[in-house]
Amino acid sequence: MNNSVVEQLKALRKGYVLSLPNKIATIDNIITQDYDNDIKDTFKTLHRHIHSLAGSSAIYGQHKLSHAAKIIELHIGSLLESDSLTEAGIIDIKSRIEKLRNIPIEHESESESTNASIDKANATAPQNTLNILVAEDDHDSRAQLVLLLKAEGHHVTEAIDGKEAVQFFKESAPDLIFMDILMPNLDGYAAAKEIKQTNTKTFTPIIFLTSSHDDKALARCIETGGDRFLTKPYNRILLRSEIDALQRIRSLYSELESYKKQTEEEIELAQRIFDTVFAKNTQQANDIHFWSVAAGHFNGDVQLYKQEQDGTIHVLLGDFTGHGLGAALGSLVAGDLFHSLLEQQADQQTILYELNKKMISILPRERFCATCMASYFPKTKKLKVWNSGLPAALLLSKAGSIKHEFKSEDLALGTIPRTHDNYETKSYPVDSGDILLIYSDGITEALNEQDEFYGEKRLYKAINDAPSADTVFSHIIESVKEFSGDTASHDDMSLIAVTLGNQK
């Protein structure tokens, strides 16, 4: 045992030896019939202190000191149990306490058992020195715990109440906190709660110190922010085990934080790539409006359009299987190919055919894309709509009434091979001011706090209740948001509105 630990243990023993006789000086003349509850409480305090001295001595292999303290502890316990606090008993206890002064503190060379005990304990010693905060109002209990922690090589800051613990935490940011429950000014429960609320970025474990075995009290330790609890008196092996366990948890939190940071950087990189690919969709024409809400970091719904110089409009809404990055990867393929084919002046039929072929060739079998593509030709005022797997696209009149529904008539893209002829569509005449609405099922399947679906009926009501056709788009969005409230979206939502007939 190193000299610093020896000196600390000597100081601890000296504190007990000097203070305990003083604590019973007021009852020197008490006889069997003349003690009251206050006197009995005093003996209970003596019993607890001697028990702590016996325990701490045993932990450090000081068997002679521990044995002597244990005998005194048994004597006091016997007197308390039999209500026999006689004058002779008090004198005997005082005498035994005074003898503790002469029991030597053993060095490693003086005790083989001590040496073996320390070697065994050091075999599993912590690899890292921790900055530990101990909040305990009882001086003797705090001194014993601090002694154990310093012997393990940790740096210790001491707080005498909860208020001081919170202050020291903010100043020193300890790695670990030991927190007593019952303390003045601010108890352990309140202090732990305040610390946890303050500390949101890192994991700082809190071990509650308690003499209680009450289930409700222990449960409250966890509820208010505690991570473990340690029952008094302290055992060095159990203490070390608790610290080691929480150290492993802190390491896991640190790894998670590192992975989180790395993931955020990768998401940011991926987002920049998506923004570059879809940069052609950033400038919306006056007659085309888009709205989209992703259920995760990335949107599995893809919204594509191109307005040509002659006023021809091509619009595509695709809803890939699932949501998040897995679904969004498909949108990269669709977006790049869509614009590439239009630059080659490909028609709608060819675009759908090539998209289907491409998705089958590169996407897993379980990945496919429900798609609606519309092409409007202003010279002929004709509209071609292909719907494969999405809810019915709606053609509204200038007055806002529903003129036609373009329902799904084929399988989603990316499911099975198709011929070019399979994607031929019929033309539909439109009037100036007509509005085409295309939306994904994320809108009709939006949930509220009661787990109800928004549904097709509410959508149609929102269309009919819009003050004018020009406000249908914004009215639907407001209706969905009002319905969902704070409920998080469980699927990507997309809405496209195209005003037809004004293009030249």
Protein backbone atom coordinates (compact mmCIF):
# COMPACT_ATOMS: atom_id res chain seq x y z
CA MET A 1 0.00 0.00 0.00
CA ASN A 2 1.44 3.41 -0.97
CA ASN A 3 2.20 5.99 1.74
CA SER A 4 -0.52 8.44 0.63
CA VAL A 5 -3.21 5.83 1.19
CA VAL A 6 -1.71 4.93 4.57
CA GLU A 7 -1.81 8.57 5.64
CA GLN A 8 -5.39 8.96 4.47
CA LEU A 9 -6.46 5.87 6.39
CA LYS A 10 -4.64 7.10 9.51
CA ALA A 11 -6.43 10.41 9.26
CA LEU A 12 -9.76 8.66 8.89
CA ARG A 13 -9.13 6.49 11.93
CA LYS A 14 -7.95 9.50 13.92
CA GLY A 15 -11.18 11.31 13.09
CA TYR A 16 -13.26 8.45 14.41
CA VAL A 17 -11.13 7.87 17.52
CA LEU A 18 -11.16 11.55 18.53
CA SER A 19 -14.77 12.35 17.70
CA LEU A 20 -16.63 9.32 18.99
CA PRO A 21 -15.70 9.65 22.70
CA ASN A 22 -16.71 13.31 22.56
CA LYS A 23 -20.07 12.32 21.16
CA ILE A 24 -20.85 10.18 24.21
CA ALA A 25 -19.34 12.51 26.82
CA THR A 26 -22.77 13.88 27.62
CA ILE A 27 -24.04 10.46 28.68
CA ASP A 28 -21.19 9.34 30.96
CA ASN A 29 -23.41 9.34 34.02
CA ILE A 30 -26.50 7.80 32.45
CA ILE A 31 -27.81 4.69 34.17
CA THR A 32 -30.15 2.03 32.87
CA GLN A 33 -33.41 3.79 33.72
CA ASP A 34 -32.37 7.33 32.78
CA TYR A 35 -31.89 7.44 28.99
CA ASP A 36 -34.32 8.91 26.49
CA ASN A 37 -34.81 8.76 22.73
CA ASP A 38 -32.11 11.39 22.07
CA ILE A 39 -29.53 9.27 23.87
CA LYS A 40 -30.60 6.20 21.96
CA ASP A 41 -30.30 8.10 18.67
CA THR A 42 -26.77 9.12 19.67
CA PHE A 43 -25.81 5.47 20.14
CA LYS A 44 -27.31 4.65 16.75
CA THR A 45 -25.03 7.28 15.23
CA LEU A 46 -22.02 5.76 17.02
CA HIS A 47 -23.04 2.36 15.71
CA ARG A 48 -23.13 3.66 12.13
CA HIS A 49 -19.74 5.39 12.36
CA ILE A 50 -18.02 2.37 13.86
CA HIS A 51 -19.59 0.19 11.18
CA SER A 52 -18.10 2.51 8.51
CA LEU A 53 -14.66 2.35 10.14
CA ALA A 54 -14.82 -1.44 10.27
CA GLY A 55 -15.81 -1.61 6.61
CA SER A 56 -13.21 0.81 5.29
CA SER A 57 -10.48 -0.88 7.31
CA ALA A 58 -11.42 -4.30 5.94
CA ILE A 59 -11.40 -2.98 2.38
CA TYR A 60 -7.74 -1.97 2.78
CA GLY A 61 -6.71 -5.18 4.50
CA GLN A 62 -6.37 -3.58 7.96
CA HIS A 63 -7.70 -6.68 9.67
CA LYS A 64 -6.67 -5.83 13.24
CA LEU A 65 -8.30 -2.40 13.10
CA SER A 66 -11.34 -3.81 11.34
CA HIS A 67 -11.73 -6.61 13.88
CA ALA A 68 -11.53 -4.24 16.83
CA ALA A 69 -14.08 -1.88 15.29
CA LYS A 70 -16.36 -4.80 14.50
CA ILE A 71 -16.31 -5.92 18.13
CA ILE A 72 -17.34 -2.43 19.23
CA GLU A 73 -20.05 -2.37 16.60
CA LEU A 74 -21.43 -5.66 17.92
CA HIS A 75 -21.37 -4.37 21.51
CA ILE A 76 -23.28 -1.21 20.62
CA GLY A 77 -25.73 -3.22 18.53
CA SER A 78 -26.33 -5.59 21.43
CA LEU A 79 -26.96 -2.71 23.85
CA LEU A 80 -29.39 -1.07 21.46
CA GLU A 81 -31.24 -4.30 20.79
CA SER A 82 -31.68 -5.10 24.50
CA ASP A 83 -32.27 -1.48 25.57
CA SER A 84 -29.40 -1.92 28.10
CA LEU A 85 -27.53 1.39 27.83
CA THR A 86 -26.04 1.08 31.31
CA GLU A 87 -23.28 3.20 32.75
CA ALA A 88 -20.95 0.16 32.74
CA GLY A 89 -21.76 -0.51 29.10
CA ILE A 90 -21.00 3.08 28.15
CA ILE A 91 -17.65 3.00 29.97
CA ASP A 92 -16.74 -0.28 28.25
CA ILE A 93 -17.51 1.16 24.81
CA LYS A 94 -15.46 4.31 25.53
CA SER A 95 -12.55 2.17 26.63
CA ARG A 96 -12.66 0.05 23.49
CA ILE A 97 -12.83 3.12 21.26
CA GLU A 98 -9.73 4.62 22.97
CA LYS A 99 -7.81 1.40 22.23
CA LEU A 100 -8.33 1.91 18.51
CA ARG A 101 -5.74 4.69 18.79
CA ASN A 102 -2.93 2.20 19.41
CA ILE A 103 -3.70 -0.25 16.62
CA PRO A 104 -1.02 0.22 13.91
CA ILE A 105 -1.75 0.79 10.24
CA GLU A 106 -0.12 -2.08 8.34
CA HIS A 107 2.10 -1.50 5.31
CA GLU A 108 2.40 -4.05 2.50
CA SER A 109 5.60 -5.44 4.02
CA GLU A 110 3.87 -5.92 7.36
CA SER A 111 0.94 -7.99 6.15
CA GLU A 112 0.85 -10.70 3.48
CA SER A 113 -2.94 -10.67 3.48
CA THR A 114 -2.99 -6.92 2.92
CA ASN A 115 -0.51 -7.26 0.09
CA ALA A 116 -2.59 -9.99 -1.56
CA SER A 117 -5.76 -7.97 -1.15
CA ILE A 118 -4.29 -4.88 -2.76
CA ASP A 119 -2.67 -6.86 -5.60
CA LYS A 120 -5.97 -8.56 -6.37
CA ALA A 121 -7.81 -5.26 -6.41
CA ASN A 122 -5.19 -3.57 -8.58
CA ALA A 123 -5.43 -6.37 -11.15
CA THR A 124 -8.71 -4.85 -12.32
CA ALA A 125 -7.82 -1.19 -11.63
CA PRO A 126 -9.38 1.37 -13.95
CA GLN A 127 -7.30 2.29 -16.96
CA ASN A 128 -8.31 5.96 -16.96
CA THR A 129 -8.24 8.57 -14.24
CA LEU A 130 -11.65 10.18 -13.84
CA ASN A 131 -12.71 13.55 -12.52
CA ILE A 132 -15.37 12.62 -9.97
CA LEU A 133 -17.78 14.84 -8.06
CA VAL A 134 -18.95 13.56 -4.66
CA ALA A 135 -22.01 15.31 -3.20
CA GLU A 136 -22.60 14.17 0.39
CA ASP A 137 -23.46 16.27 3.44
CA ASP A 138 -22.30 13.67 6.00
CA HIS A 139 -18.59 14.32 6.60
CA ASP A 140 -17.66 10.81 7.70
CA SER A 141 -19.48 9.08 4.84
CA ARG A 142 -18.03 11.53 2.32
CA ALA A 143 -14.52 11.06 3.72
CA GLN A 144 -14.74 7.29 3.38
CA LEU A 145 -15.92 7.46 -0.23
CA VAL A 146 -13.33 10.07 -1.18
CA LEU A 147 -10.63 7.89 0.36
CA LEU A 148 -11.71 4.91 -1.74
CA LEU A 149 -11.89 6.93 -4.95
CA LYS A 150 -8.51 8.60 -4.48
CA ALA A 151 -6.96 5.24 -3.73
CA GLU A 152 -8.17 4.17 -7.18
CA GLY A 153 -6.29 7.10 -8.69
CA HIS A 154 -9.25 9.38 -9.44
CA HIS A 155 -9.44 13.13 -8.92
CA VAL A 156 -12.25 14.05 -6.54
CA THR A 157 -14.21 17.27 -5.98
CA GLU A 158 -16.33 17.41 -2.84
CA ALA A 159 -19.73 19.12 -2.47
CA ILE A 160 -21.62 19.35 0.82
CA ASP A 161 -25.12 19.77 -0.65
CA GLY A 162 -27.10 19.60 -3.87
CA LYS A 163 -26.81 23.29 -4.64
CA GLU A 164 -23.03 23.14 -4.44
CA ALA A 165 -23.04 19.96 -6.56
CA VAL A 166 -24.90 21.72 -9.40
CA GLN A 167 -22.49 24.67 -9.19
CA PHE A 168 -19.38 22.45 -9.25
CA PHE A 169 -20.82 20.44 -12.13
CA LYS A 170 -21.20 23.56 -14.25
CA GLU A 171 -17.68 24.71 -13.36
CA SER A 172 -15.71 21.48 -13.71
CA ALA A 173 -17.79 19.14 -15.95
CA PRO A 174 -16.91 15.92 -14.07
CA ASP A 175 -16.86 12.49 -15.70
CA LEU A 176 -18.92 10.89 -12.93
CA ILE A 177 -21.08 12.04 -10.01
CA PHE A 178 -21.84 10.38 -6.68
CA MET A 179 -24.96 11.97 -5.22
CA ASP A 180 -26.45 11.52 -1.76
CA ILE A 181 -30.24 11.68 -1.62
CA LEU A 182 -30.95 13.63 1.57
CA MET A 183 -28.96 16.88 1.63
CA PRO A 184 -29.69 20.45 2.77
CA ASN A 185 -30.46 23.40 0.44
CA LEU A 186 -31.12 21.11 -2.53
CA ASP A 187 -31.67 17.35 -2.21
CA GLY A 188 -30.10 14.76 -4.49
CA TYR A 189 -33.25 14.22 -6.54
CA ALA A 190 -33.57 17.90 -7.48
CA ALA A 191 -29.83 18.30 -8.06
CA ALA A 192 -29.68 15.27 -10.36
CA LYS A 193 -32.67 16.49 -12.35
CA GLU A 194 -31.14 19.94 -12.81
CA ILE A 195 -27.80 18.47 -13.87
CA LYS A 196 -29.40 16.16 -16.43
CA GLN A 197 -31.46 19.03 -17.85
CA THR A 198 -28.35 21.20 -18.10
CA ASN A 199 -26.19 18.49 -19.61
CA THR A 200 -27.79 17.51 -22.93
CA LYS A 201 -24.72 16.94 -25.11
CA THR A 202 -22.69 14.44 -23.09
CA PHE A 203 -23.44 11.48 -20.85
CA THR A 204 -22.40 12.12 -17.25
CA PRO A 205 -23.44 9.17 -15.05
CA ILE A 206 -24.96 9.85 -11.63
CA ILE A 207 -24.69 7.22 -8.89
CA PHE A 208 -27.04 7.83 -6.00
CA LEU A 209 -25.77 7.09 -2.50
CA THR A 210 -28.35 5.66 -0.14
CA SER A 211 -28.77 3.66 3.05
CA SER A 212 -32.36 2.91 2.10
CA HIS A 213 -33.63 -0.30 0.55
CA ASP A 214 -37.07 1.16 -0.12
CA ASP A 215 -38.16 0.26 -3.66
CA LYS A 216 -39.99 3.54 -4.21
CA ALA A 217 -37.00 5.62 -3.11
CA LEU A 218 -34.67 3.62 -5.38
CA ALA A 219 -37.10 3.91 -8.30
CA ARG A 220 -37.21 7.67 -7.80
CA CYS A 221 -33.41 7.75 -8.06
CA ILE A 222 -33.69 6.48 -11.63
CA GLU A 223 -36.73 8.63 -12.49
CA THR A 224 -34.95 11.86 -11.55
CA GLY A 225 -31.88 11.18 -13.67
CA GLY A 226 -29.80 8.67 -11.71
CA ASP A 227 -28.07 5.89 -13.62
CA ARG A 228 -27.18 3.61 -10.70
CA PHE A 229 -27.42 3.60 -6.92
CA LEU A 230 -24.89 2.45 -4.35
CA THR A 231 -25.93 1.25 -0.92
CA LYS A 232 -23.98 2.31 2.15
CA PRO A 233 -21.61 1.20 3.64
CA TYR A 234 -19.31 1.17 0.63
CA ASN A 235 -17.56 -1.89 -0.72
CA ARG A 236 -14.43 -1.22 -2.72
CA ILE A 237 -14.98 -4.07 -5.18
CA LEU A 238 -18.62 -3.13 -5.84
CA LEU A 239 -17.62 0.52 -6.12
CA ARG A 240 -15.04 -0.26 -8.75
CA SER A 241 -17.48 -2.51 -10.62
CA GLU A 242 -20.05 0.29 -10.79
CA ILE A 243 -17.45 2.75 -12.07
CA ASP A 244 -16.15 0.29 -14.67
CA ALA A 245 -19.68 -0.48 -15.89
CA LEU A 246 -20.53 3.20 -16.28
CA GLN A 247 -17.19 3.81 -17.97
CA ARG A 248 -18.16 1.25 -20.61
CA ILE A 249 -21.51 2.98 -21.07
CA ARG A 250 -19.75 6.37 -21.38
CA SER A 251 -17.50 4.85 -24.05
CA LEU A 252 -20.56 3.61 -25.94
CA TYR A 253 -22.13 7.07 -25.75
CA SER A 254 -18.89 8.54 -27.05
CA GLU A 255 -18.87 6.07 -29.95
CA LEU A 256 -22.51 6.86 -30.73
CA GLU A 257 -21.73 10.56 -30.74
CA SER A 258 -18.84 9.92 -33.12
CA TYR A 259 -21.06 7.82 -35.41
CA LYS A 260 -23.75 10.50 -35.22
CA LYS A 261 -21.30 13.18 -36.29
CA GLN A 262 -20.00 11.01 -39.11
CA THR A 263 -23.56 10.22 -40.24
CA GLU A 264 -24.49 13.91 -40.21
CA GLU A 265 -21.46 14.69 -42.38
CA GLU A 266 -22.41 11.91 -44.83
CA ILE A 267 -26.02 13.13 -44.92
CA GLU A 268 -24.82 16.65 -45.66
CA LEU A 269 -22.63 15.34 -48.49
CA ALA A 270 -25.48 13.27 -49.90
CA GLN A 271 -27.81 16.26 -49.66
CA ARG A 272 -25.41 18.37 -51.70
CA ILE A 273 -25.37 15.66 -54.37
CA PHE A 274 -29.19 15.58 -54.42
CA ASP A 275 -29.35 19.37 -54.66
CA THR A 276 -26.97 19.31 -57.62
CA VAL A 277 -28.95 16.62 -59.45
CA PHE A 278 -32.27 18.38 -58.94
CA ALA A 279 -30.98 21.91 -59.46
CA LYS A 280 -32.98 22.08 -62.68
CA ASN A 281 -36.18 21.94 -60.61
CA THR A 282 -35.32 24.84 -58.31
CA GLN A 283 -36.78 27.59 -60.48
CA GLN A 284 -40.51 27.01 -60.62
CA ALA A 285 -42.56 28.41 -63.49
CA ASN A 286 -45.50 30.63 -62.66
CA ASP A 287 -47.97 27.92 -63.64
CA ILE A 288 -46.35 25.02 -61.70
CA HIS A 289 -46.32 24.63 -57.92
CA PHE A 290 -44.67 21.92 -55.84
CA TRP A 291 -44.98 20.94 -52.17
CA SER A 292 -43.18 18.08 -50.49
CA VAL A 293 -42.53 16.89 -46.93
CA ALA A 294 -39.98 14.14 -46.26
CA ALA A 295 -40.57 11.60 -43.50
CA GLY A 296 -36.80 11.40 -42.93
CA HIS A 297 -33.63 13.21 -43.95
CA PHE A 298 -34.24 12.30 -47.59
CA ASN A 299 -37.38 12.31 -49.67
CA GLY A 300 -38.41 9.10 -51.42
CA ASP A 301 -40.85 11.10 -53.57
CA VAL A 302 -39.30 12.57 -56.69
CA GLN A 303 -40.82 15.65 -58.38
CA LEU A 304 -39.54 16.40 -61.89
CA TYR A 305 -40.57 18.85 -64.56
CA LYS A 306 -39.40 20.69 -67.63
CA GLN A 307 -41.10 23.51 -69.48
CA GLU A 308 -39.93 23.83 -73.06
CA GLN A 309 -39.65 27.02 -75.08
CA ASP A 310 -42.89 26.33 -76.95
CA GLY A 311 -44.73 26.07 -73.62
CA THR A 312 -44.91 22.26 -73.53
CA ILE A 313 -44.84 21.01 -69.95
CA HIS A 314 -43.59 17.64 -68.73
CA VAL A 315 -44.26 16.80 -65.08
CA LEU A 316 -43.49 13.59 -63.21
CA LEU A 317 -44.21 12.53 -59.64
CA GLY A 318 -42.62 9.28 -58.46
CA ASP A 319 -43.13 7.57 -55.11
CA PHE A 320 -40.37 5.03 -54.45
CA THR A 321 -40.88 2.11 -52.09
CA GLY A 322 -40.21 3.10 -48.48
CA HIS A 323 -38.73 6.43 -47.48
CA GLY A 324 -35.40 7.91 -46.42
CA LEU A 325 -32.07 7.41 -48.17
CA GLY A 326 -32.94 3.96 -49.55
CA ALA A 327 -35.95 5.35 -51.39
CA ALA A 328 -34.23 8.60 -52.34
CA LEU A 329 -31.41 6.78 -54.17
CA GLY A 330 -33.94 5.76 -56.80
CA SER A 331 -34.90 9.40 -57.30
CA LEU A 332 -31.30 10.18 -58.31
CA VAL A 333 -31.54 7.66 -61.12
CA ALA A 334 -34.98 8.88 -62.21
CA GLY A 335 -34.03 12.56 -62.08
CA ASP A 336 -30.84 12.20 -64.09
CA LEU A 337 -32.45 10.01 -66.77
CA PHE A 338 -35.60 12.19 -67.02
CA HIS A 339 -33.67 15.34 -67.87
CA SER A 340 -31.20 13.52 -70.09
CA LEU A 341 -34.00 12.06 -72.23
CA LEU A 342 -35.81 15.38 -72.51
CA GLU A 343 -32.61 17.02 -73.73
CA GLN A 344 -32.70 14.38 -76.48
CA GLN A 345 -36.30 15.48 -77.18
CA ALA A 346 -37.74 12.11 -76.12
CA ASP A 347 -41.51 11.88 -75.83
CA GLN A 348 -43.51 10.75 -72.80
CA GLN A 349 -43.83 7.17 -74.05
CA THR A 350 -40.06 6.82 -74.46
CA ILE A 351 -39.29 8.41 -71.10
CA LEU A 352 -41.56 5.98 -69.23
CA TYR A 353 -40.18 3.01 -71.14
CA GLU A 354 -36.55 3.95 -70.45
CA LEU A 355 -37.25 4.72 -66.78
CA ASN A 356 -38.85 1.31 -66.28
CA LYS A 357 -35.97 -0.46 -68.01
CA LYS A 358 -33.36 1.45 -65.99
CA MET A 359 -35.05 0.81 -62.64
CA ILE A 360 -35.34 -2.91 -63.33
CA SER A 361 -31.65 -3.09 -64.22
CA ILE A 362 -30.22 -1.30 -61.17
CA LEU A 363 -32.75 -1.41 -58.31
CA PRO A 364 -33.34 -4.39 -56.01
CA ARG A 365 -36.48 -6.40 -56.83
CA GLU A 366 -38.29 -5.03 -53.77
CA ARG A 367 -37.74 -1.44 -54.94
CA PHE A 368 -40.13 0.11 -57.43
CA CYS A 369 -41.71 3.47 -58.17
CA ALA A 370 -45.41 4.40 -58.35
CA THR A 371 -45.41 7.05 -61.07
CA CYS A 372 -47.64 9.65 -62.65
CA MET A 373 -46.33 11.58 -65.65
CA ALA A 374 -48.24 14.32 -67.45
CA SER A 375 -47.37 16.14 -70.66
CA TYR A 376 -49.32 19.21 -71.79
CA PHE A 377 -49.15 20.56 -75.34
CA PRO A 378 -50.37 24.18 -75.52
CA LYS A 379 -50.67 24.29 -79.32
CA THR A 380 -53.30 21.56 -79.35
CA LYS A 381 -54.46 22.11 -75.75
CA LYS A 382 -54.17 18.37 -75.18
CA LEU A 383 -53.03 16.57 -72.04
CA LYS A 384 -51.48 13.12 -71.78
CA VAL A 385 -51.38 11.48 -68.34
CA TRP A 386 -49.83 8.12 -67.44
CA ASN A 387 -50.61 6.83 -63.93
CA SER A 388 -49.09 3.64 -62.60
CA GLY A 389 -49.62 3.14 -58.87
CA LEU A 390 -50.35 6.65 -57.58
CA PRO A 391 -53.73 7.99 -56.41
CA ALA A 392 -55.88 9.40 -59.19
CA ALA A 393 -54.56 12.64 -60.68
CA LEU A 394 -57.32 15.26 -60.78
CA LEU A 395 -58.17 17.73 -63.53
CA LEU A 396 -60.02 20.75 -62.13
CA SER A 397 -61.99 23.32 -64.05
CA LYS A 398 -61.28 27.02 -63.83
CA ALA A 399 -64.14 27.18 -61.34
CA GLY A 400 -62.50 24.53 -59.15
CA SER A 401 -64.77 21.55 -59.83
CA ILE A 402 -63.35 18.11 -60.70
CA LYS A 403 -63.62 17.47 -64.44
CA HIS A 404 -61.74 14.19 -64.72
CA GLU A 405 -59.84 11.59 -62.66
CA PHE A 406 -56.75 9.93 -64.15
CA LYS A 407 -56.75 6.69 -62.21
CA SER A 408 -53.89 4.20 -62.02
CA GLU A 409 -54.08 1.69 -64.89
CA ASP A 410 -50.75 -0.13 -64.73
CA LEU A 411 -48.06 -1.53 -62.45
CA ALA A 412 -45.49 0.77 -60.86
CA LEU A 413 -42.25 1.37 -62.77
CA GLY A 414 -39.45 -1.04 -61.95
CA THR A 415 -41.66 -4.10 -61.37
CA ILE A 416 -41.65 -6.06 -64.65
CA PRO A 417 -40.23 -5.50 -68.15
CA ARG A 418 -42.55 -3.73 -70.61
CA THR A 419 -42.49 -2.97 -74.32
CA HIS A 420 -42.35 0.56 -75.67
CA ASP A 421 -45.93 0.30 -76.94
CA ASN A 422 -47.18 -0.43 -73.44
CA TYR A 423 -46.65 3.24 -72.46
CA GLU A 424 -48.81 4.79 -75.18
CA THR A 425 -51.42 7.16 -73.72
CA LYS A 426 -54.51 8.92 -75.02
CA SER A 427 -54.84 12.69 -75.29
CA TYR A 428 -57.39 14.56 -73.19
CA PRO A 429 -58.66 18.04 -74.14
CA VAL A 430 -58.34 20.84 -71.59
CA ASP A 431 -59.60 24.42 -71.32
CA SER A 432 -57.60 27.47 -70.42
CA GLY A 433 -57.33 27.79 -66.66
CA ASP A 434 -57.82 24.10 -65.92
CA ILE A 435 -55.63 22.80 -63.08
CA LEU A 436 -53.97 19.38 -62.88
CA LEU A 437 -53.35 18.01 -59.36
CA ILE A 438 -50.94 15.11 -58.83
CA TYR A 439 -50.24 13.83 -55.31
CA SER A 440 -48.69 10.88 -53.50
CA ASP A 441 -50.52 8.61 -51.06
CA GLY A 442 -48.53 10.21 -48.22
CA ILE A 443 -51.15 12.98 -48.25
CA THR A 444 -54.25 10.80 -47.98
CA GLU A 445 -52.46 8.57 -45.44
CA ALA A 446 -51.32 11.45 -43.23
CA LEU A 447 -52.21 10.77 -39.58
CA ASN A 448 -53.53 12.97 -36.80
CA GLU A 449 -53.11 12.55 -33.04
CA GLN A 450 -55.99 10.03 -32.99
CA ASP A 451 -54.23 7.88 -35.64
CA GLU A 452 -56.91 8.72 -38.20
CA PHE A 453 -56.07 8.98 -41.91
CA TYR A 454 -56.56 12.28 -43.71
CA GLY A 455 -58.22 10.33 -46.50
CA GLU A 456 -59.64 11.05 -49.91
CA LYS A 457 -62.88 12.55 -48.57
CA ARG A 458 -61.04 15.31 -46.67
CA LEU A 459 -58.89 15.97 -49.74
CA TYR A 460 -61.92 16.40 -51.99
CA LYS A 461 -63.61 18.59 -49.36
CA ALA A 462 -60.50 20.80 -49.21
CA ILE A 463 -60.71 21.18 -53.00
CA ASN A 464 -64.39 22.07 -52.92
CA ASP A 465 -63.97 24.47 -49.97
CA ALA A 466 -61.18 26.45 -51.64
CA PRO A 467 -62.30 30.06 -52.32
CA SER A 468 -61.13 29.77 -55.94
CA ALA A 469 -59.28 27.41 -58.26
CA ASP A 470 -56.13 29.50 -57.83
CA THR A 471 -56.14 28.81 -54.09
CA VAL A 472 -56.78 25.03 -54.26
CA PHE A 473 -53.07 24.21 -53.96
CA SER A 474 -52.49 26.28 -50.80
CA HIS A 475 -55.86 25.27 -49.33
CA ILE A 476 -54.98 21.56 -49.55
CA ILE A 477 -51.64 22.17 -47.82
CA GLU A 478 -53.28 24.15 -45.00
CA SER A 479 -55.93 21.44 -44.59
CA VAL A 480 -53.33 18.64 -44.30
CA LYS A 481 -51.20 20.62 -41.83
CA GLU A 482 -54.21 21.51 -39.67
CA PHE A 483 -55.36 17.89 -39.65
CA SER A 484 -51.92 16.43 -38.76
CA GLY A 485 -51.02 19.04 -36.13
CA ASP A 486 -47.79 18.03 -34.39
CA THR A 487 -48.02 14.41 -35.54
CA ALA A 488 -44.86 13.44 -37.40
CA SER A 489 -45.27 12.28 -40.97
CA HIS A 490 -44.77 8.52 -41.36
CA ASP A 491 -44.51 8.72 -45.15
CA ASP A 492 -43.24 11.25 -47.68
CA MET A 493 -45.93 13.67 -48.90
CA SER A 494 -45.94 15.39 -52.29
CA LEU A 495 -48.36 17.63 -54.17
CA ILE A 496 -48.04 19.19 -57.64
CA ALA A 497 -50.43 21.71 -59.18
CA VAL A 498 -50.14 22.77 -62.84
CA THR A 499 -52.31 25.51 -64.33
CA LEU A 500 -52.96 24.65 -67.99
CA GLY A 501 -53.93 26.67 -71.03
CA ASN A 502 -51.97 29.83 -70.26
CA GLN A 503 -48.78 28.60 -71.92
CA LYS A 504 -47.90 29.88 -75.35
